[in-house]
Amino acid sequence: MVDMLVLVKDFYYHPDMKGKNSLKFVLPAVLNSSSFIQNKYAQPIYGNKLGIPSANFKHFKWVQYENGQVIDPYKLLPKLFVDVSAENEKILCSDDDTLNNGGAALIAYRKLQYEGMGNYERKQLKAGLLQYCELDTFAMVMLFEAWKNWPECNVGSS
């Protein structure tokens, strides 16, 4: 097993990372730099029987654009509660209505431990956590694929 953080620290820099090396900064930089990843994941192959199977997404496109830039995939994660009042949404969600960062995931997991939560809320938080964790894992796959398919990484390979 290879720790991708070591690879990032030792071999990868992009100005869009703003001096950070966490996955949340590296992934958008790589996505905006890799035409291979853009072409592949702009298609709805994720969560598709003929593409990449997923238990949490259906026909999903991880590469979508806004103002000519790839949208950060963590910002594409669906909202948790679509039919909850604004007041209840504040109680259920930390800062916004998406579960798209590690802090929000920790809070959501902690909330799942609360026995007084209703089934609807529990189901939505669980679904959000599963989607977030799946993206976190798949993000590393996209990084690997991008780096593997960059022309400068394939010199001398056949």
Protein backbone atom coordinates (compact mmCIF):
# COMPACT_ATOMS: atom_id res chain seq x y z
CA MET A 1 0.00 0.00 0.00
CA VAL A 2 1.24 3.49 -0.84
CA ASP A 3 0.33 6.59 1.12
CA MET A 4 -0.72 9.08 -1.55
CA LEU A 5 0.03 11.97 0.81
CA VAL A 6 3.72 11.06 0.55
CA LEU A 7 3.47 11.15 -3.25
CA VAL A 8 1.74 14.54 -3.13
CA LYS A 9 4.33 16.01 -0.77
CA ASP A 10 7.29 14.65 -2.71
CA PHE A 11 6.15 14.87 -6.33
CA TYR A 12 3.10 17.04 -6.93
CA TYR A 13 2.49 20.76 -6.75
CA HIS A 14 -0.22 22.85 -8.32
CA PRO A 15 -0.97 26.52 -7.56
CA ASP A 16 -4.68 25.71 -7.11
CA MET A 17 -3.73 23.68 -4.03
CA LYS A 18 -2.85 26.97 -2.28
CA GLY A 19 0.03 25.34 -0.43
CA LYS A 20 -2.20 22.59 1.01
CA ASN A 21 -1.75 18.90 0.42
CA SER A 22 -5.01 17.41 1.66
CA LEU A 23 -7.23 15.46 -0.70
CA LYS A 24 -9.81 18.28 -0.69
CA PHE A 25 -7.24 20.60 -2.32
CA VAL A 26 -5.32 18.09 -4.44
CA LEU A 27 -8.34 16.52 -6.14
CA PRO A 28 -9.76 19.70 -7.73
CA ALA A 29 -6.26 20.71 -8.91
CA VAL A 30 -5.69 17.31 -10.50
CA LEU A 31 -9.15 17.24 -12.08
CA ASN A 32 -8.56 20.62 -13.69
CA SER A 33 -5.18 19.41 -15.00
CA SER A 34 -6.08 15.97 -16.35
CA SER A 35 -7.87 15.78 -19.68
CA PHE A 36 -7.97 11.99 -19.27
CA ILE A 37 -10.01 12.24 -16.05
CA GLN A 38 -12.16 15.03 -17.45
CA ASN A 39 -13.07 13.00 -20.53
CA LYS A 40 -13.71 9.81 -18.58
CA TYR A 41 -15.73 11.15 -15.66
CA ALA A 42 -17.73 13.77 -17.55
CA GLN A 43 -19.72 10.74 -18.70
CA PRO A 44 -22.41 9.19 -16.46
CA ILE A 45 -20.41 5.99 -15.98
CA TYR A 46 -20.30 6.06 -12.19
CA GLY A 47 -23.07 4.01 -10.64
CA ASN A 48 -23.86 2.55 -14.03
CA LYS A 49 -24.11 -1.21 -14.71
CA LEU A 50 -21.99 -0.76 -17.83
CA GLY A 51 -19.48 1.48 -16.08
CA ILE A 52 -18.35 1.65 -12.46
CA PRO A 53 -20.69 0.07 -9.92
CA SER A 54 -21.78 2.06 -6.89
CA ALA A 55 -24.13 1.36 -4.02
CA ASN A 56 -24.70 5.08 -3.39
CA PHE A 57 -24.79 6.85 -6.77
CA LYS A 58 -26.70 6.27 -10.01
CA HIS A 59 -25.40 7.38 -13.44
CA PHE A 60 -23.29 10.08 -11.82
CA LYS A 61 -20.86 12.44 -13.56
CA TRP A 62 -17.98 13.37 -11.27
CA VAL A 63 -16.69 15.96 -13.72
CA GLN A 64 -19.01 18.90 -14.19
CA TYR A 65 -18.02 22.41 -15.17
CA GLU A 66 -18.71 25.92 -13.97
CA ASN A 67 -17.04 28.93 -15.61
CA GLY A 68 -14.66 26.64 -17.51
CA GLN A 69 -13.38 24.92 -14.36
CA VAL A 70 -14.16 21.48 -13.00
CA ILE A 71 -16.46 21.77 -10.00
CA ASP A 72 -14.98 20.31 -6.82
CA PRO A 73 -16.61 16.84 -6.59
CA TYR A 74 -17.27 17.36 -2.88
CA LYS A 75 -19.55 20.25 -3.85
CA LEU A 76 -21.51 17.86 -6.08
CA LEU A 77 -22.60 15.68 -3.18
CA PRO A 78 -26.38 15.84 -2.83
CA LYS A 79 -28.17 17.76 -0.11
CA LEU A 80 -29.03 15.71 2.95
CA PHE A 81 -32.51 16.95 3.77
CA VAL A 82 -34.61 18.15 0.87
CA ASP A 83 -37.98 18.33 2.62
CA VAL A 84 -37.10 19.67 6.08
CA SER A 85 -37.89 23.12 7.43
CA ALA A 86 -35.05 25.64 7.64
CA GLU A 87 -35.20 25.50 11.44
CA ASN A 88 -34.88 21.71 11.58
CA GLU A 89 -32.18 21.81 8.91
CA LYS A 90 -30.04 23.97 11.22
CA ILE A 91 -30.43 21.37 13.95
CA LEU A 92 -29.58 18.45 11.66
CA CYS A 93 -26.74 20.00 9.66
CA SER A 94 -23.60 21.71 10.89
CA ASP A 95 -22.93 24.63 8.52
CA ASP A 96 -24.86 23.74 5.40
CA ASP A 97 -27.11 21.05 4.03
CA THR A 98 -24.43 18.87 2.48
CA LEU A 99 -22.06 16.44 4.08
CA ASN A 100 -18.89 17.30 2.16
CA ASN A 101 -15.96 17.47 4.57
CA GLY A 102 -14.39 15.46 7.36
CA GLY A 103 -15.68 17.71 10.13
CA ALA A 104 -19.26 17.43 8.90
CA ALA A 105 -18.81 13.65 8.59
CA LEU A 106 -17.65 13.41 12.20
CA ILE A 107 -20.62 15.47 13.38
CA ALA A 108 -23.03 13.37 11.32
CA TYR A 109 -21.57 10.14 12.69
CA ARG A 110 -21.87 11.50 16.23
CA LYS A 111 -25.50 12.47 15.59
CA LEU A 112 -26.24 8.93 14.42
CA GLN A 113 -25.27 7.73 17.89
CA TYR A 114 -28.10 9.80 19.40
CA GLU A 115 -30.95 7.39 20.07
CA GLY A 116 -33.68 10.05 20.02
CA MET A 117 -33.24 10.71 16.30
CA GLY A 118 -36.12 9.80 14.02
CA ASN A 119 -35.83 7.18 11.29
CA TYR A 120 -35.96 9.77 8.48
CA GLU A 121 -33.08 11.81 9.90
CA ARG A 122 -31.05 8.68 10.64
CA LYS A 123 -31.58 7.37 7.09
CA GLN A 124 -30.57 10.69 5.50
CA LEU A 125 -27.44 11.08 7.62
CA LYS A 126 -26.42 7.48 6.92
CA ALA A 127 -26.91 7.98 3.17
CA GLY A 128 -24.88 11.20 3.28
CA LEU A 129 -22.06 9.51 5.18
CA LEU A 130 -21.96 6.61 2.74
CA GLN A 131 -21.79 8.99 -0.23
CA TYR A 132 -19.09 11.11 1.39
CA CYS A 133 -16.97 8.08 2.31
CA GLU A 134 -17.39 6.59 -1.16
CA LEU A 135 -16.22 9.83 -2.76
CA ASP A 136 -13.25 10.04 -0.38
CA THR A 137 -12.18 6.57 -1.50
CA PHE A 138 -12.92 7.16 -5.17
CA ALA A 139 -11.03 10.47 -5.08
CA MET A 140 -7.83 8.52 -4.50
CA VAL A 141 -8.66 6.33 -7.49
CA MET A 142 -9.10 9.43 -9.66
CA LEU A 143 -5.75 10.82 -8.46
CA PHE A 144 -4.02 7.55 -9.28
CA GLU A 145 -5.67 7.35 -12.71
CA ALA A 146 -4.74 10.93 -13.53
CA TRP A 147 -1.12 10.51 -12.53
CA LYS A 148 -0.85 7.16 -14.30
CA ASN A 149 -2.22 8.63 -17.52
CA TRP A 150 -0.25 11.86 -17.67
CA PRO A 151 2.07 11.69 -20.69
CA GLU A 152 5.12 12.68 -18.65
CA CYS A 153 4.42 9.73 -16.32
CA ASN A 154 4.35 7.24 -19.19
CA VAL A 155 7.69 7.95 -20.83
CA GLY A 156 9.15 4.67 -22.01
CA SER A 157 6.07 2.61 -21.13
CA SER A 158 4.21 0.58 -23.70
